[in-house]
Amino acid sequence: MNLGLKDRVAIVTGGNRGIGYAISAELMAEGAHVVVASLDPARNAQAIEKLKARSNGRVFGVPTDLNDPKAVENLFKQTLAEFGRLDILVNNATNVSQGGFFAMDETGWDGVFDAKLRGTVRCIRHAVPPMRERQWGRIVNVSGGAAWTPQLGAITTGLNNAAVQNLTVALANELGKDGILVNAIVPTAVRTERHDKNIRDAMAKTGQSEAEVLKPRVAKIPIGRMATPEEIAAVVAFLAYELASFLTGSLWPVDGGVSARL
């Protein structure tokens, strides 16, 4: 498809594996230039080489700790120095944390919100000025189904995701007049490397087959299977689409029908 993304410049946080890598690849397939921002320099370098082999677009990586305001500032400075513009920001980086409400101390609470919510806030603060300059921008936040279905054993994950969704709607109202559209996607049950490891660990622990481990995980998904990262990436690319120009403040459930409701 031609989504009108040729020569657009995108930053994808957590863009070196899983959903983030698929998003980087999809945007590049549509002609965008991509900056991959992730914490691990070695994994970043591997992802960049793979992406270069798949596309004619320009791509480079900036190892970035989203907990560090200076590192986030450097990410955007390098992007603007390289390309002179920024059109698309995908806040994909996440921190899946386990731990019940009463088991977490103050330090634990601060840490998990720094990684997801505050990292997203930091990136948006730096992304908006160059987008305002051109009166065009797309911000896509990757949330998660735990925002809608709280889990006490991973309560901070759901709270982070819910806060990101609230932020999405608030900023859509604030930035619409500047030509900057802000949306969120809400994926559930995606077959990433991390999920594959989780499945293998469950198989080893229980002695069950892969099909047996997957059965309860997909039981509530009307489509009857988990998503691929590429299916999530396609929705992100659509929201960055030149003609998706009247979409903002929306939360897109990409979950095979799990959250379907009137």
C-alpha atoms as a PDB file:
ATOM      1  CA  MET A   1       0.000   0.000   0.000  1.00  0.00           C
ATOM      2  CA  ASN A   2       0.991   3.615  -0.421  1.00  0.00           C
ATOM      3  CA  LEU A   3       0.210   5.279   2.882  1.00  0.00           C
ATOM      4  CA  GLY A   4       1.869   8.566   2.020  1.00  0.00           C
ATOM      5  CA  LEU A   5       4.744   7.947   4.437  1.00  0.00           C
ATOM      6  CA  LYS A   6       7.627   8.246   1.975  1.00  0.00           C
ATOM      7  CA  ASP A   7      10.447  10.282   3.513  1.00  0.00           C
ATOM      8  CA  ARG A   8       8.530  10.831   6.746  1.00  0.00           C
ATOM      9  CA  VAL A   9      10.787  10.545   9.801  1.00  0.00           C
ATOM     10  CA  ALA A  10       9.750   8.312  12.690  1.00  0.00           C
ATOM     11  CA  ILE A  11      11.106   7.466  16.119  1.00  0.00           C
ATOM     12  CA  VAL A  12      10.085   4.072  17.474  1.00  0.00           C
ATOM     13  CA  THR A  13      10.912   3.423  21.118  1.00  0.00           C
ATOM     14  CA  GLY A  14      11.549  -0.208  21.973  1.00  0.00           C
ATOM     15  CA  GLY A  15      11.981  -0.619  18.232  1.00  0.00           C
ATOM     16  CA  ASN A  16      14.587  -3.364  18.146  1.00  0.00           C
ATOM     17  CA  ARG A  17      12.447  -6.435  18.848  1.00  0.00           C
ATOM     18  CA  GLY A  18       8.930  -7.785  19.038  1.00  0.00           C
ATOM     19  CA  ILE A  19       6.133  -5.348  18.261  1.00  0.00           C
ATOM     20  CA  GLY A  20       8.571  -2.425  18.065  1.00  0.00           C
ATOM     21  CA  TYR A  21      10.739  -4.112  15.452  1.00  0.00           C
ATOM     22  CA  ALA A  22       7.669  -4.992  13.385  1.00  0.00           C
ATOM     23  CA  ILE A  23       6.541  -1.347  13.564  1.00  0.00           C
ATOM     24  CA  SER A  24       9.978  -0.129  12.456  1.00  0.00           C
ATOM     25  CA  ALA A  25       9.961  -2.570   9.527  1.00  0.00           C
ATOM     26  CA  GLU A  26       6.408  -1.644   8.471  1.00  0.00           C
ATOM     27  CA  LEU A  27       7.095   2.092   8.495  1.00  0.00           C
ATOM     28  CA  MET A  28      10.254   1.580   6.473  1.00  0.00           C
ATOM     29  CA  ALA A  29       8.386  -0.610   3.991  1.00  0.00           C
ATOM     30  CA  GLU A  30       6.122   2.408   3.443  1.00  0.00           C
ATOM     31  CA  GLY A  31       9.123   4.607   2.709  1.00  0.00           C
ATOM     32  CA  ALA A  32       9.650   6.258   6.086  1.00  0.00           C
ATOM     33  CA  HIS A  33      13.032   6.803   7.693  1.00  0.00           C
ATOM     34  CA  VAL A  34      13.218   5.287  11.181  1.00  0.00           C
ATOM     35  CA  VAL A  35      15.200   5.952  14.325  1.00  0.00           C
ATOM     36  CA  VAL A  36      15.224   2.903  16.581  1.00  0.00           C
ATOM     37  CA  ALA A  37      15.441   3.874  20.240  1.00  0.00           C
ATOM     38  CA  SER A  38      16.080   1.044  22.668  1.00  0.00           C
ATOM     39  CA  LEU A  39      18.199   0.460  25.730  1.00  0.00           C
ATOM     40  CA  ASP A  40      20.418  -2.419  24.514  1.00  0.00           C
ATOM     41  CA  PRO A  41      23.147  -1.184  22.081  1.00  0.00           C
ATOM     42  CA  ALA A  42      24.017  -4.679  20.800  1.00  0.00           C
ATOM     43  CA  ARG A  43      20.420  -5.625  20.098  1.00  0.00           C
ATOM     44  CA  ASN A  44      19.904  -2.202  18.533  1.00  0.00           C
ATOM     45  CA  ALA A  45      22.805  -2.788  16.144  1.00  0.00           C
ATOM     46  CA  GLN A  46      21.474  -6.217  15.125  1.00  0.00           C
ATOM     47  CA  ALA A  47      18.011  -4.792  14.452  1.00  0.00           C
ATOM     48  CA  ILE A  48      19.452  -1.951  12.361  1.00  0.00           C
ATOM     49  CA  GLU A  49      21.346  -4.377  10.114  1.00  0.00           C
ATOM     50  CA  LYS A  50      18.214  -6.464   9.559  1.00  0.00           C
ATOM     51  CA  LEU A  51      16.129  -3.382   8.805  1.00  0.00           C
ATOM     52  CA  LYS A  52      18.713  -2.042   6.326  1.00  0.00           C
ATOM     53  CA  ALA A  53      18.552  -5.301   4.411  1.00  0.00           C
ATOM     54  CA  ARG A  54      14.763  -5.043   4.058  1.00  0.00           C
ATOM     55  CA  SER A  55      14.311  -1.467   2.900  1.00  0.00           C
ATOM     56  CA  ASN A  56      15.796   1.432   0.990  1.00  0.00           C
ATOM     57  CA  GLY A  57      14.830   3.851   3.759  1.00  0.00           C
ATOM     58  CA  ARG A  58      17.391   5.299   6.111  1.00  0.00           C
ATOM     59  CA  VAL A  59      17.583   3.860   9.592  1.00  0.00           C
ATOM     60  CA  PHE A  60      19.849   4.285  12.566  1.00  0.00           C
ATOM     61  CA  GLY A  61      19.739   3.407  16.218  1.00  0.00           C
ATOM     62  CA  VAL A  62      20.143   5.515  19.323  1.00  0.00           C
ATOM     63  CA  PRO A  63      20.527   3.436  22.501  1.00  0.00           C
ATOM     64  CA  THR A  64      18.225   5.279  24.886  1.00  0.00           C
ATOM     65  CA  ASP A  65      17.310   4.859  28.532  1.00  0.00           C
ATOM     66  CA  LEU A  66      13.849   6.430  28.741  1.00  0.00           C
ATOM     67  CA  ASN A  67      14.332   6.780  32.500  1.00  0.00           C
ATOM     68  CA  ASP A  68      17.116   9.280  31.820  1.00  0.00           C
ATOM     69  CA  PRO A  69      15.885  12.732  30.710  1.00  0.00           C
ATOM     70  CA  LYS A  70      19.296  13.572  29.206  1.00  0.00           C
ATOM     71  CA  ALA A  71      19.294  10.383  27.140  1.00  0.00           C
ATOM     72  CA  VAL A  72      15.810  11.178  25.810  1.00  0.00           C
ATOM     73  CA  GLU A  73      16.916  14.710  24.936  1.00  0.00           C
ATOM     74  CA  ASN A  74      19.916  13.265  23.082  1.00  0.00           C
ATOM     75  CA  LEU A  75      17.634  10.910  21.097  1.00  0.00           C
ATOM     76  CA  PHE A  76      15.667  13.821  19.668  1.00  0.00           C
ATOM     77  CA  LYS A  77      18.749  15.994  19.116  1.00  0.00           C
ATOM     78  CA  GLN A  78      20.371  13.211  17.070  1.00  0.00           C
ATOM     79  CA  THR A  79      17.204  12.628  15.078  1.00  0.00           C
ATOM     80  CA  LEU A  80      16.837  16.309  14.166  1.00  0.00           C
ATOM     81  CA  ALA A  81      20.554  16.600  13.385  1.00  0.00           C
ATOM     82  CA  GLU A  82      20.325  13.630  11.005  1.00  0.00           C
ATOM     83  CA  PHE A  83      17.001  14.368   9.295  1.00  0.00           C
ATOM     84  CA  GLY A  84      16.079  17.953  10.163  1.00  0.00           C
ATOM     85  CA  ARG A  85      12.515  16.955  11.016  1.00  0.00           C
ATOM     86  CA  LEU A  86      10.305  14.575  12.977  1.00  0.00           C
ATOM     87  CA  ASP A  87       6.890  13.451  11.765  1.00  0.00           C
ATOM     88  CA  ILE A  88       5.968  10.301  13.677  1.00  0.00           C
ATOM     89  CA  LEU A  89       6.562   9.181  17.252  1.00  0.00           C
ATOM     90  CA  VAL A  90       5.633   5.654  18.317  1.00  0.00           C
ATOM     91  CA  ASN A  91       5.824   5.179  22.087  1.00  0.00           C
ATOM     92  CA  ASN A  92       6.156   1.410  22.156  1.00  0.00           C
ATOM     93  CA  ALA A  93       8.758   0.772  24.872  1.00  0.00           C
ATOM     94  CA  THR A  94       7.285  -0.890  27.916  1.00  0.00           C
ATOM     95  CA  ASN A  95       8.142  -2.441  31.236  1.00  0.00           C
ATOM     96  CA  VAL A  96       6.018  -5.430  32.185  1.00  0.00           C
ATOM     97  CA  SER A  97       6.267  -5.635  35.961  1.00  0.00           C
ATOM     98  CA  GLN A  98       4.934  -8.291  38.287  1.00  0.00           C
ATOM     99  CA  GLY A  99       4.037  -7.776  41.898  1.00  0.00           C
ATOM    100  CA  GLY A 100       0.915  -7.432  43.977  1.00  0.00           C
ATOM    101  CA  PHE A 101      -0.277  -4.129  45.413  1.00  0.00           C
ATOM    102  CA  PHE A 102       0.823  -4.882  48.987  1.00  0.00           C
ATOM    103  CA  ALA A 103       4.162  -6.388  47.955  1.00  0.00           C
ATOM    104  CA  MET A 104       5.503  -3.244  46.275  1.00  0.00           C
ATOM    105  CA  ASP A 105       7.340  -0.520  48.165  1.00  0.00           C
ATOM    106  CA  GLU A 106       7.704   3.147  47.214  1.00  0.00           C
ATOM    107  CA  THR A 107      10.844   2.524  45.172  1.00  0.00           C
ATOM    108  CA  GLY A 108       9.122  -0.216  43.199  1.00  0.00           C
ATOM    109  CA  TRP A 109       6.183   2.043  42.383  1.00  0.00           C
ATOM    110  CA  ASP A 110       8.436   4.888  41.266  1.00  0.00           C
ATOM    111  CA  GLY A 111      10.499   2.607  39.035  1.00  0.00           C
ATOM    112  CA  VAL A 112       7.630   1.148  37.028  1.00  0.00           C
ATOM    113  CA  PHE A 113       5.990   4.497  36.354  1.00  0.00           C
ATOM    114  CA  ASP A 114       9.314   5.998  35.313  1.00  0.00           C
ATOM    115  CA  ALA A 115       9.802   3.338  32.664  1.00  0.00           C
ATOM    116  CA  LYS A 116       6.439   3.537  30.875  1.00  0.00           C
ATOM    117  CA  LEU A 117       4.390   6.621  31.718  1.00  0.00           C
ATOM    118  CA  ARG A 118       7.187   9.099  32.340  1.00  0.00           C
ATOM    119  CA  GLY A 119       9.211   7.768  29.412  1.00  0.00           C
ATOM    120  CA  THR A 120       6.219   8.380  27.150  1.00  0.00           C
ATOM    121  CA  VAL A 121       5.764  11.871  28.577  1.00  0.00           C
ATOM    122  CA  ARG A 122       9.450  12.716  28.071  1.00  0.00           C
ATOM    123  CA  CYS A 123       9.363  11.639  24.439  1.00  0.00           C
ATOM    124  CA  ILE A 124       6.186  13.565  23.648  1.00  0.00           C
ATOM    125  CA  ARG A 125       7.575  16.750  25.200  1.00  0.00           C
ATOM    126  CA  HIS A 126      10.512  16.636  22.772  1.00  0.00           C
ATOM    127  CA  ALA A 127       8.474  15.464  19.770  1.00  0.00           C
ATOM    128  CA  VAL A 128       5.844  18.196  19.784  1.00  0.00           C
ATOM    129  CA  PRO A 129       7.999  21.290  18.951  1.00  0.00           C
ATOM    130  CA  PRO A 130       9.348  20.004  15.587  1.00  0.00           C
ATOM    131  CA  MET A 131       5.891  18.658  14.701  1.00  0.00           C
ATOM    132  CA  ARG A 132       4.300  22.018  15.537  1.00  0.00           C
ATOM    133  CA  GLU A 133       6.828  23.690  13.298  1.00  0.00           C
ATOM    134  CA  ARG A 134       5.470  21.776  10.300  1.00  0.00           C
ATOM    135  CA  GLN A 135       1.861  21.659  11.523  1.00  0.00           C
ATOM    136  CA  TRP A 136       1.880  17.904  10.954  1.00  0.00           C
ATOM    137  CA  GLY A 137       2.525  15.016  13.300  1.00  0.00           C
ATOM    138  CA  ARG A 138       1.420  11.572  14.355  1.00  0.00           C
ATOM    139  CA  ILE A 139       1.888  10.245  17.885  1.00  0.00           C
ATOM    140  CA  VAL A 140       0.906   6.622  18.466  1.00  0.00           C
ATOM    141  CA  ASN A 141       1.062   5.252  22.001  1.00  0.00           C
ATOM    142  CA  VAL A 142       1.143   1.498  22.518  1.00  0.00           C
ATOM    143  CA  SER A 143      -0.904   0.645  25.578  1.00  0.00           C
ATOM    144  CA  GLY A 144      -2.176  -2.795  26.611  1.00  0.00           C
ATOM    145  CA  GLY A 145      -5.302  -4.695  27.535  1.00  0.00           C
ATOM    146  CA  ALA A 146      -4.402  -4.676  31.231  1.00  0.00           C
ATOM    147  CA  ALA A 147      -5.657  -1.075  31.256  1.00  0.00           C
ATOM    148  CA  TRP A 148      -9.182  -2.419  30.738  1.00  0.00           C
ATOM    149  CA  THR A 149      -8.853  -5.707  32.627  1.00  0.00           C
ATOM    150  CA  PRO A 150      -6.873  -5.032  35.808  1.00  0.00           C
ATOM    151  CA  GLN A 151      -4.746  -7.836  37.210  1.00  0.00           C
ATOM    152  CA  LEU A 152      -3.808  -7.560  40.861  1.00  0.00           C
ATOM    153  CA  GLY A 153      -0.594  -9.529  40.276  1.00  0.00           C
ATOM    154  CA  ALA A 154       0.560  -6.967  37.689  1.00  0.00           C
ATOM    155  CA  ILE A 155      -1.306  -3.922  38.875  1.00  0.00           C
ATOM    156  CA  THR A 156       1.315  -1.362  37.880  1.00  0.00           C
ATOM    157  CA  THR A 157       1.267  -2.564  34.268  1.00  0.00           C
ATOM    158  CA  GLY A 158      -2.455  -1.884  34.042  1.00  0.00           C
ATOM    159  CA  LEU A 159      -2.156   1.470  35.809  1.00  0.00           C
ATOM    160  CA  ASN A 160       0.629   2.569  33.463  1.00  0.00           C
ATOM    161  CA  ASN A 161      -1.407   1.580  30.424  1.00  0.00           C
ATOM    162  CA  ALA A 162      -4.537   3.298  31.730  1.00  0.00           C
ATOM    163  CA  ALA A 163      -2.553   6.471  32.388  1.00  0.00           C
ATOM    164  CA  VAL A 164      -1.107   6.408  28.866  1.00  0.00           C
ATOM    165  CA  GLN A 165      -4.624   6.105  27.444  1.00  0.00           C
ATOM    166  CA  ASN A 166      -5.811   9.062  29.519  1.00  0.00           C
ATOM    167  CA  LEU A 167      -2.791  11.042  28.335  1.00  0.00           C
ATOM    168  CA  THR A 168      -3.600  10.105  24.723  1.00  0.00           C
ATOM    169  CA  VAL A 169      -7.085  11.584  24.882  1.00  0.00           C
ATOM    170  CA  ALA A 170      -5.965  14.697  26.771  1.00  0.00           C
ATOM    171  CA  LEU A 171      -3.168  15.477  24.314  1.00  0.00           C
ATOM    172  CA  ALA A 172      -5.392  14.830  21.298  1.00  0.00           C
ATOM    173  CA  ASN A 173      -7.587  17.685  22.523  1.00  0.00           C
ATOM    174  CA  GLU A 174      -4.569  19.884  23.156  1.00  0.00           C
ATOM    175  CA  LEU A 175      -2.636  19.261  19.927  1.00  0.00           C
ATOM    176  CA  GLY A 176      -5.321  18.884  17.284  1.00  0.00           C
ATOM    177  CA  LYS A 177      -5.160  22.566  16.372  1.00  0.00           C
ATOM    178  CA  ASP A 178      -1.445  22.083  15.592  1.00  0.00           C
ATOM    179  CA  GLY A 179      -2.082  19.309  13.087  1.00  0.00           C
ATOM    180  CA  ILE A 180      -0.740  16.707  15.511  1.00  0.00           C
ATOM    181  CA  LEU A 181      -2.895  13.604  15.886  1.00  0.00           C
ATOM    182  CA  VAL A 182      -2.556  11.435  18.995  1.00  0.00           C
ATOM    183  CA  ASN A 183      -3.945   7.903  19.162  1.00  0.00           C
ATOM    184  CA  ALA A 184      -3.274   4.696  21.063  1.00  0.00           C
ATOM    185  CA  ILE A 185      -3.434   1.042  20.158  1.00  0.00           C
ATOM    186  CA  VAL A 186      -4.336  -1.600  22.720  1.00  0.00           C
ATOM    187  CA  PRO A 187      -2.936  -4.993  21.709  1.00  0.00           C
ATOM    188  CA  THR A 188      -3.548  -8.182  23.639  1.00  0.00           C
ATOM    189  CA  ALA A 189      -1.903 -11.618  23.373  1.00  0.00           C
ATOM    190  CA  VAL A 190       0.786 -10.984  20.753  1.00  0.00           C
ATOM    191  CA  ARG A 191       3.172 -13.785  19.768  1.00  0.00           C
ATOM    192  CA  THR A 192       6.450 -11.966  20.406  1.00  0.00           C
ATOM    193  CA  GLU A 193       9.853 -13.372  21.404  1.00  0.00           C
ATOM    194  CA  ARG A 194       9.023 -12.624  25.025  1.00  0.00           C
ATOM    195  CA  HIS A 195       5.705 -14.460  24.784  1.00  0.00           C
ATOM    196  CA  ASP A 196       7.392 -17.389  23.016  1.00  0.00           C
ATOM    197  CA  LYS A 197       9.830 -17.691  25.931  1.00  0.00           C
ATOM    198  CA  ASN A 198       6.935 -17.548  28.366  1.00  0.00           C
ATOM    199  CA  ILE A 199       5.229 -20.376  26.483  1.00  0.00           C
ATOM    200  CA  ARG A 200       8.407 -22.490  26.432  1.00  0.00           C
ATOM    201  CA  ASP A 201       8.883 -21.931  30.175  1.00  0.00           C
ATOM    202  CA  ALA A 202       5.285 -23.005  30.820  1.00  0.00           C
ATOM    203  CA  MET A 203       5.770 -26.127  28.700  1.00  0.00           C
ATOM    204  CA  ALA A 204       8.923 -27.053  30.635  1.00  0.00           C
ATOM    205  CA  LYS A 205       7.283 -26.416  33.984  1.00  0.00           C
ATOM    206  CA  THR A 206       4.018 -28.265  33.320  1.00  0.00           C
ATOM    207  CA  GLY A 207       5.012 -30.895  30.778  1.00  0.00           C
ATOM    208  CA  GLN A 208       2.188 -29.700  28.529  1.00  0.00           C
ATOM    209  CA  SER A 209       2.386 -29.379  24.771  1.00  0.00           C
ATOM    210  CA  GLU A 210       2.410 -25.963  23.099  1.00  0.00           C
ATOM    211  CA  ALA A 211      -1.225 -26.432  22.081  1.00  0.00           C
ATOM    212  CA  GLU A 212      -2.182 -27.238  25.682  1.00  0.00           C
ATOM    213  CA  VAL A 213      -0.373 -24.166  27.023  1.00  0.00           C
ATOM    214  CA  LEU A 214      -1.964 -21.937  24.397  1.00  0.00           C
ATOM    215  CA  LYS A 215      -5.500 -23.236  24.822  1.00  0.00           C
ATOM    216  CA  PRO A 216      -6.496 -21.157  27.887  1.00  0.00           C
ATOM    217  CA  ARG A 217      -4.616 -18.143  26.525  1.00  0.00           C
ATOM    218  CA  VAL A 218      -6.675 -18.003  23.353  1.00  0.00           C
ATOM    219  CA  ALA A 219      -9.957 -19.270  24.812  1.00  0.00           C
ATOM    220  CA  LYS A 220     -11.403 -15.754  25.124  1.00  0.00           C
ATOM    221  CA  ILE A 221     -10.158 -14.524  21.752  1.00  0.00           C
ATOM    222  CA  PRO A 222     -12.991 -14.764  19.197  1.00  0.00           C
ATOM    223  CA  ILE A 223     -10.496 -15.144  16.330  1.00  0.00           C
ATOM    224  CA  GLY A 224      -9.075 -18.141  18.187  1.00  0.00           C
ATOM    225  CA  ARG A 225      -5.370 -17.321  18.063  1.00  0.00           C
ATOM    226  CA  MET A 226      -2.760 -14.830  19.204  1.00  0.00           C
ATOM    227  CA  ALA A 227      -1.766 -11.857  17.057  1.00  0.00           C
ATOM    228  CA  THR A 228       1.489 -11.530  15.149  1.00  0.00           C
ATOM    229  CA  PRO A 229       3.641  -8.426  15.704  1.00  0.00           C
ATOM    230  CA  GLU A 230       3.098  -7.564  12.042  1.00  0.00           C
ATOM    231  CA  GLU A 231      -0.657  -7.318  12.586  1.00  0.00           C
ATOM    232  CA  ILE A 232      -0.092  -4.760  15.326  1.00  0.00           C
ATOM    233  CA  ALA A 233       2.408  -2.855  13.196  1.00  0.00           C
ATOM    234  CA  ALA A 234      -0.084  -2.561  10.334  1.00  0.00           C
ATOM    235  CA  VAL A 235      -2.513  -0.641  12.567  1.00  0.00           C
ATOM    236  CA  VAL A 236       0.258   1.705  13.719  1.00  0.00           C
ATOM    237  CA  ALA A 237       1.167   2.409  10.081  1.00  0.00           C
ATOM    238  CA  PHE A 238      -2.491   3.108   9.308  1.00  0.00           C
ATOM    239  CA  LEU A 239      -2.697   5.649  12.131  1.00  0.00           C
ATOM    240  CA  ALA A 240       0.398   7.357  10.696  1.00  0.00           C
ATOM    241  CA  TYR A 241      -1.254   7.358   7.248  1.00  0.00           C
ATOM    242  CA  GLU A 242      -1.403  10.683   5.405  1.00  0.00           C
ATOM    243  CA  LEU A 243      -5.151  10.310   4.903  1.00  0.00           C
ATOM    244  CA  ALA A 244      -5.915   9.208   8.475  1.00  0.00           C
ATOM    245  CA  SER A 245      -6.274  12.910   9.034  1.00  0.00           C
ATOM    246  CA  PHE A 246      -9.499  12.976  11.050  1.00  0.00           C
ATOM    247  CA  LEU A 247      -8.514  10.326  13.589  1.00  0.00           C
ATOM    248  CA  THR A 248      -7.343  11.519  16.969  1.00  0.00           C
ATOM    249  CA  GLY A 249      -7.984  10.774  20.624  1.00  0.00           C
ATOM    250  CA  SER A 250      -8.975   7.182  19.822  1.00  0.00           C
ATOM    251  CA  LEU A 251      -8.002   3.911  21.508  1.00  0.00           C
ATOM    252  CA  TRP A 252      -7.757   1.057  19.008  1.00  0.00           C
ATOM    253  CA  PRO A 253      -8.171  -2.450  20.466  1.00  0.00           C
ATOM    254  CA  VAL A 254      -6.089  -4.806  18.319  1.00  0.00           C
ATOM    255  CA  ASP A 255      -7.062  -7.913  20.233  1.00  0.00           C
ATOM    256  CA  GLY A 256      -8.988 -10.298  18.002  1.00  0.00           C
ATOM    257  CA  GLY A 257     -12.301  -9.191  19.492  1.00  0.00           C
ATOM    258  CA  VAL A 258     -11.515  -9.720  23.191  1.00  0.00           C
ATOM    259  CA  SER A 259     -12.782  -6.281  24.195  1.00  0.00           C
ATOM    260  CA  ALA A 260     -15.613  -6.062  21.658  1.00  0.00           C
ATOM    261  CA  ARG A 261     -18.590  -4.163  23.042  1.00  0.00           C
ATOM    262  CA  LEU A 262     -21.356  -1.803  21.960  1.00  0.00           C
END
